Amino acid sequence: MPATEDIRRALNVVGVVAVVDAVLLVPLVIAALNHDEGTVSILGPLHGTGFLILVALVVRGTLKGYWGWWFPVITVITAGPPGCLAGDIKIRRELSASR
């Protein structure tokens, strides 16, 4: 069983990347809805990179046994930040309850 502190550290990294990616995702969606191709062409690749980093981080945590495969799945389904942040909250609650 992985140490709780290792899981918390991994979640901290996931959380920071998810927040940064969310900050990129919101204006990206707004720009896409407004057909602002210039902004989309800048923010799209940035969000895409953040998304790939998030997927890699949650898959890595899954392979280390920190959490289940549901976490990478929810990350992919929600385009990154929403699923990561929801998973982060769920796992932290479980860690707090198991003390």
C-alpha atoms as a PDB file:
ATOM      1  CA  MET A   1       0.000   0.000   0.000  1.00  0.00           C
ATOM      2  CA  PRO A   2       1.470   3.378  -0.974  1.00  0.00           C
ATOM      3  CA  ALA A   3       2.183   5.910   1.745  1.00  0.00           C
ATOM      4  CA  THR A   4      -0.496   8.544   2.261  1.00  0.00           C
ATOM      5  CA  GLU A   5       2.094  11.314   1.931  1.00  0.00           C
ATOM      6  CA  ASP A   6       3.202   9.974  -1.472  1.00  0.00           C
ATOM      7  CA  ILE A   7      -0.401  10.023  -2.653  1.00  0.00           C
ATOM      8  CA  ARG A   8      -0.919  13.561  -1.324  1.00  0.00           C
ATOM      9  CA  ARG A   9       2.256  14.763  -3.073  1.00  0.00           C
ATOM     10  CA  ALA A  10       1.109  13.237  -6.360  1.00  0.00           C
ATOM     11  CA  LEU A  11      -2.320  14.850  -5.913  1.00  0.00           C
ATOM     12  CA  ASN A  12      -0.676  18.220  -5.248  1.00  0.00           C
ATOM     13  CA  VAL A  13       1.112  18.041  -8.598  1.00  0.00           C
ATOM     14  CA  VAL A  14      -2.050  16.874 -10.378  1.00  0.00           C
ATOM     15  CA  GLY A  15      -4.014  19.672  -8.725  1.00  0.00           C
ATOM     16  CA  VAL A  16      -1.597  22.423  -9.752  1.00  0.00           C
ATOM     17  CA  VAL A  17      -1.453  21.225 -13.348  1.00  0.00           C
ATOM     18  CA  ALA A  18      -5.267  20.866 -13.417  1.00  0.00           C
ATOM     19  CA  VAL A  19      -5.794  24.429 -12.174  1.00  0.00           C
ATOM     20  CA  VAL A  20      -3.328  25.834 -14.713  1.00  0.00           C
ATOM     21  CA  ASP A  21      -4.981  23.819 -17.478  1.00  0.00           C
ATOM     22  CA  ALA A  22      -8.443  24.992 -16.344  1.00  0.00           C
ATOM     23  CA  VAL A  23      -7.244  28.590 -16.535  1.00  0.00           C
ATOM     24  CA  LEU A  24      -6.359  27.865 -20.175  1.00  0.00           C
ATOM     25  CA  LEU A  25      -9.495  25.836 -20.928  1.00  0.00           C
ATOM     26  CA  VAL A  26     -12.044  28.485 -19.946  1.00  0.00           C
ATOM     27  CA  PRO A  27     -10.784  31.222 -22.314  1.00  0.00           C
ATOM     28  CA  LEU A  28     -10.188  28.574 -24.990  1.00  0.00           C
ATOM     29  CA  VAL A  29     -13.848  27.540 -24.906  1.00  0.00           C
ATOM     30  CA  ILE A  30     -14.962  31.183 -24.921  1.00  0.00           C
ATOM     31  CA  ALA A  31     -12.679  31.953 -27.869  1.00  0.00           C
ATOM     32  CA  ALA A  32     -13.931  28.897 -29.745  1.00  0.00           C
ATOM     33  CA  LEU A  33     -17.552  29.909 -29.190  1.00  0.00           C
ATOM     34  CA  ASN A  34     -16.731  33.408 -30.458  1.00  0.00           C
ATOM     35  CA  HIS A  35     -14.876  32.011 -33.486  1.00  0.00           C
ATOM     36  CA  ASP A  36     -11.665  33.768 -32.395  1.00  0.00           C
ATOM     37  CA  GLU A  37      -9.250  31.604 -34.388  1.00  0.00           C
ATOM     38  CA  GLY A  38      -6.174  33.570 -33.319  1.00  0.00           C
ATOM     39  CA  THR A  39      -6.777  32.916 -29.637  1.00  0.00           C
ATOM     40  CA  VAL A  40      -7.791  29.323 -30.289  1.00  0.00           C
ATOM     41  CA  SER A  41      -4.581  28.714 -32.245  1.00  0.00           C
ATOM     42  CA  ILE A  42      -2.557  29.855 -29.208  1.00  0.00           C
ATOM     43  CA  LEU A  43      -4.570  28.414 -26.326  1.00  0.00           C
ATOM     44  CA  GLY A  44      -5.498  25.155 -28.071  1.00  0.00           C
ATOM     45  CA  PRO A  45      -1.983  23.696 -28.137  1.00  0.00           C
ATOM     46  CA  LEU A  46      -1.293  24.964 -24.614  1.00  0.00           C
ATOM     47  CA  HIS A  47      -4.412  23.271 -23.252  1.00  0.00           C
ATOM     48  CA  GLY A  48      -3.631  20.161 -25.313  1.00  0.00           C
ATOM     49  CA  THR A  49      -0.195  19.946 -23.742  1.00  0.00           C
ATOM     50  CA  GLY A  50      -1.655  20.445 -20.264  1.00  0.00           C
ATOM     51  CA  PHE A  51      -4.238  17.747 -20.974  1.00  0.00           C
ATOM     52  CA  LEU A  52      -1.536  15.270 -22.033  1.00  0.00           C
ATOM     53  CA  ILE A  53       0.486  16.079 -18.901  1.00  0.00           C
ATOM     54  CA  LEU A  54      -2.606  15.513 -16.725  1.00  0.00           C
ATOM     55  CA  VAL A  55      -3.329  12.175 -18.366  1.00  0.00           C
ATOM     56  CA  ALA A  56       0.303  11.120 -17.913  1.00  0.00           C
ATOM     57  CA  LEU A  57       0.266  12.148 -14.238  1.00  0.00           C
ATOM     58  CA  VAL A  58      -2.944  10.297 -13.389  1.00  0.00           C
ATOM     59  CA  VAL A  59      -1.878   7.198 -15.332  1.00  0.00           C
ATOM     60  CA  ARG A  60       1.452   7.266 -13.483  1.00  0.00           C
ATOM     61  CA  GLY A  61      -0.405   7.471 -10.149  1.00  0.00           C
ATOM     62  CA  THR A  62      -2.631   4.593 -11.219  1.00  0.00           C
ATOM     63  CA  LEU A  63       0.370   2.450 -12.126  1.00  0.00           C
ATOM     64  CA  LYS A  64       1.926   3.236  -8.729  1.00  0.00           C
ATOM     65  CA  GLY A  65      -1.286   2.060  -7.041  1.00  0.00           C
ATOM     66  CA  TYR A  66      -2.261   5.474  -5.678  1.00  0.00           C
ATOM     67  CA  TRP A  67      -5.782   5.318  -7.150  1.00  0.00           C
ATOM     68  CA  GLY A  68      -7.854   3.291  -9.603  1.00  0.00           C
ATOM     69  CA  TRP A  69      -8.250   3.456 -13.366  1.00  0.00           C
ATOM     70  CA  TRP A  70     -11.391   5.535 -12.928  1.00  0.00           C
ATOM     71  CA  PHE A  71      -9.150   8.598 -12.418  1.00  0.00           C
ATOM     72  CA  PRO A  72      -7.508   8.549 -15.883  1.00  0.00           C
ATOM     73  CA  VAL A  73     -10.884   7.691 -17.437  1.00  0.00           C
ATOM     74  CA  ILE A  74     -12.666  10.647 -15.822  1.00  0.00           C
ATOM     75  CA  THR A  75      -9.741  12.893 -16.775  1.00  0.00           C
ATOM     76  CA  VAL A  76     -10.042  11.942 -20.444  1.00  0.00           C
ATOM     77  CA  ILE A  77     -13.848  12.098 -20.512  1.00  0.00           C
ATOM     78  CA  THR A  78     -13.955  15.614 -19.019  1.00  0.00           C
ATOM     79  CA  ALA A  79     -11.095  17.027 -21.148  1.00  0.00           C
ATOM     80  CA  GLY A  80      -8.785  17.259 -18.164  1.00  0.00           C
ATOM     81  CA  PRO A  81      -9.275  19.742 -15.342  1.00  0.00           C
ATOM     82  CA  PRO A  82     -12.883  19.038 -14.252  1.00  0.00           C
ATOM     83  CA  GLY A  83     -12.264  15.314 -13.853  1.00  0.00           C
ATOM     84  CA  CYS A  84      -8.877  15.810 -12.228  1.00  0.00           C
ATOM     85  CA  LEU A  85     -10.213  18.232  -9.679  1.00  0.00           C
ATOM     86  CA  ALA A  86     -13.215  16.001  -8.916  1.00  0.00           C
ATOM     87  CA  GLY A  87     -10.899  12.987  -8.552  1.00  0.00           C
ATOM     88  CA  ASP A  88      -8.540  14.976  -6.349  1.00  0.00           C
ATOM     89  CA  ILE A  89     -11.394  15.876  -3.984  1.00  0.00           C
ATOM     90  CA  LYS A  90     -12.673  12.280  -3.895  1.00  0.00           C
ATOM     91  CA  ILE A  91      -9.255  10.799  -3.125  1.00  0.00           C
ATOM     92  CA  ARG A  92      -8.423  13.410  -0.467  1.00  0.00           C
ATOM     93  CA  ARG A  93     -11.754  12.695   1.266  1.00  0.00           C
ATOM     94  CA  GLU A  94     -11.003   8.978   1.223  1.00  0.00           C
ATOM     95  CA  LEU A  95      -7.529   9.617   2.666  1.00  0.00           C
ATOM     96  CA  SER A  96      -8.993  11.783   5.433  1.00  0.00           C
ATOM     97  CA  ALA A  97     -11.658   9.200   6.242  1.00  0.00           C
ATOM     98  CA  SER A  98      -9.090   6.395   6.528  1.00  0.00           C
ATOM     99  CA  ARG A  99      -7.059   8.127   9.232  1.00  0.00           C
END
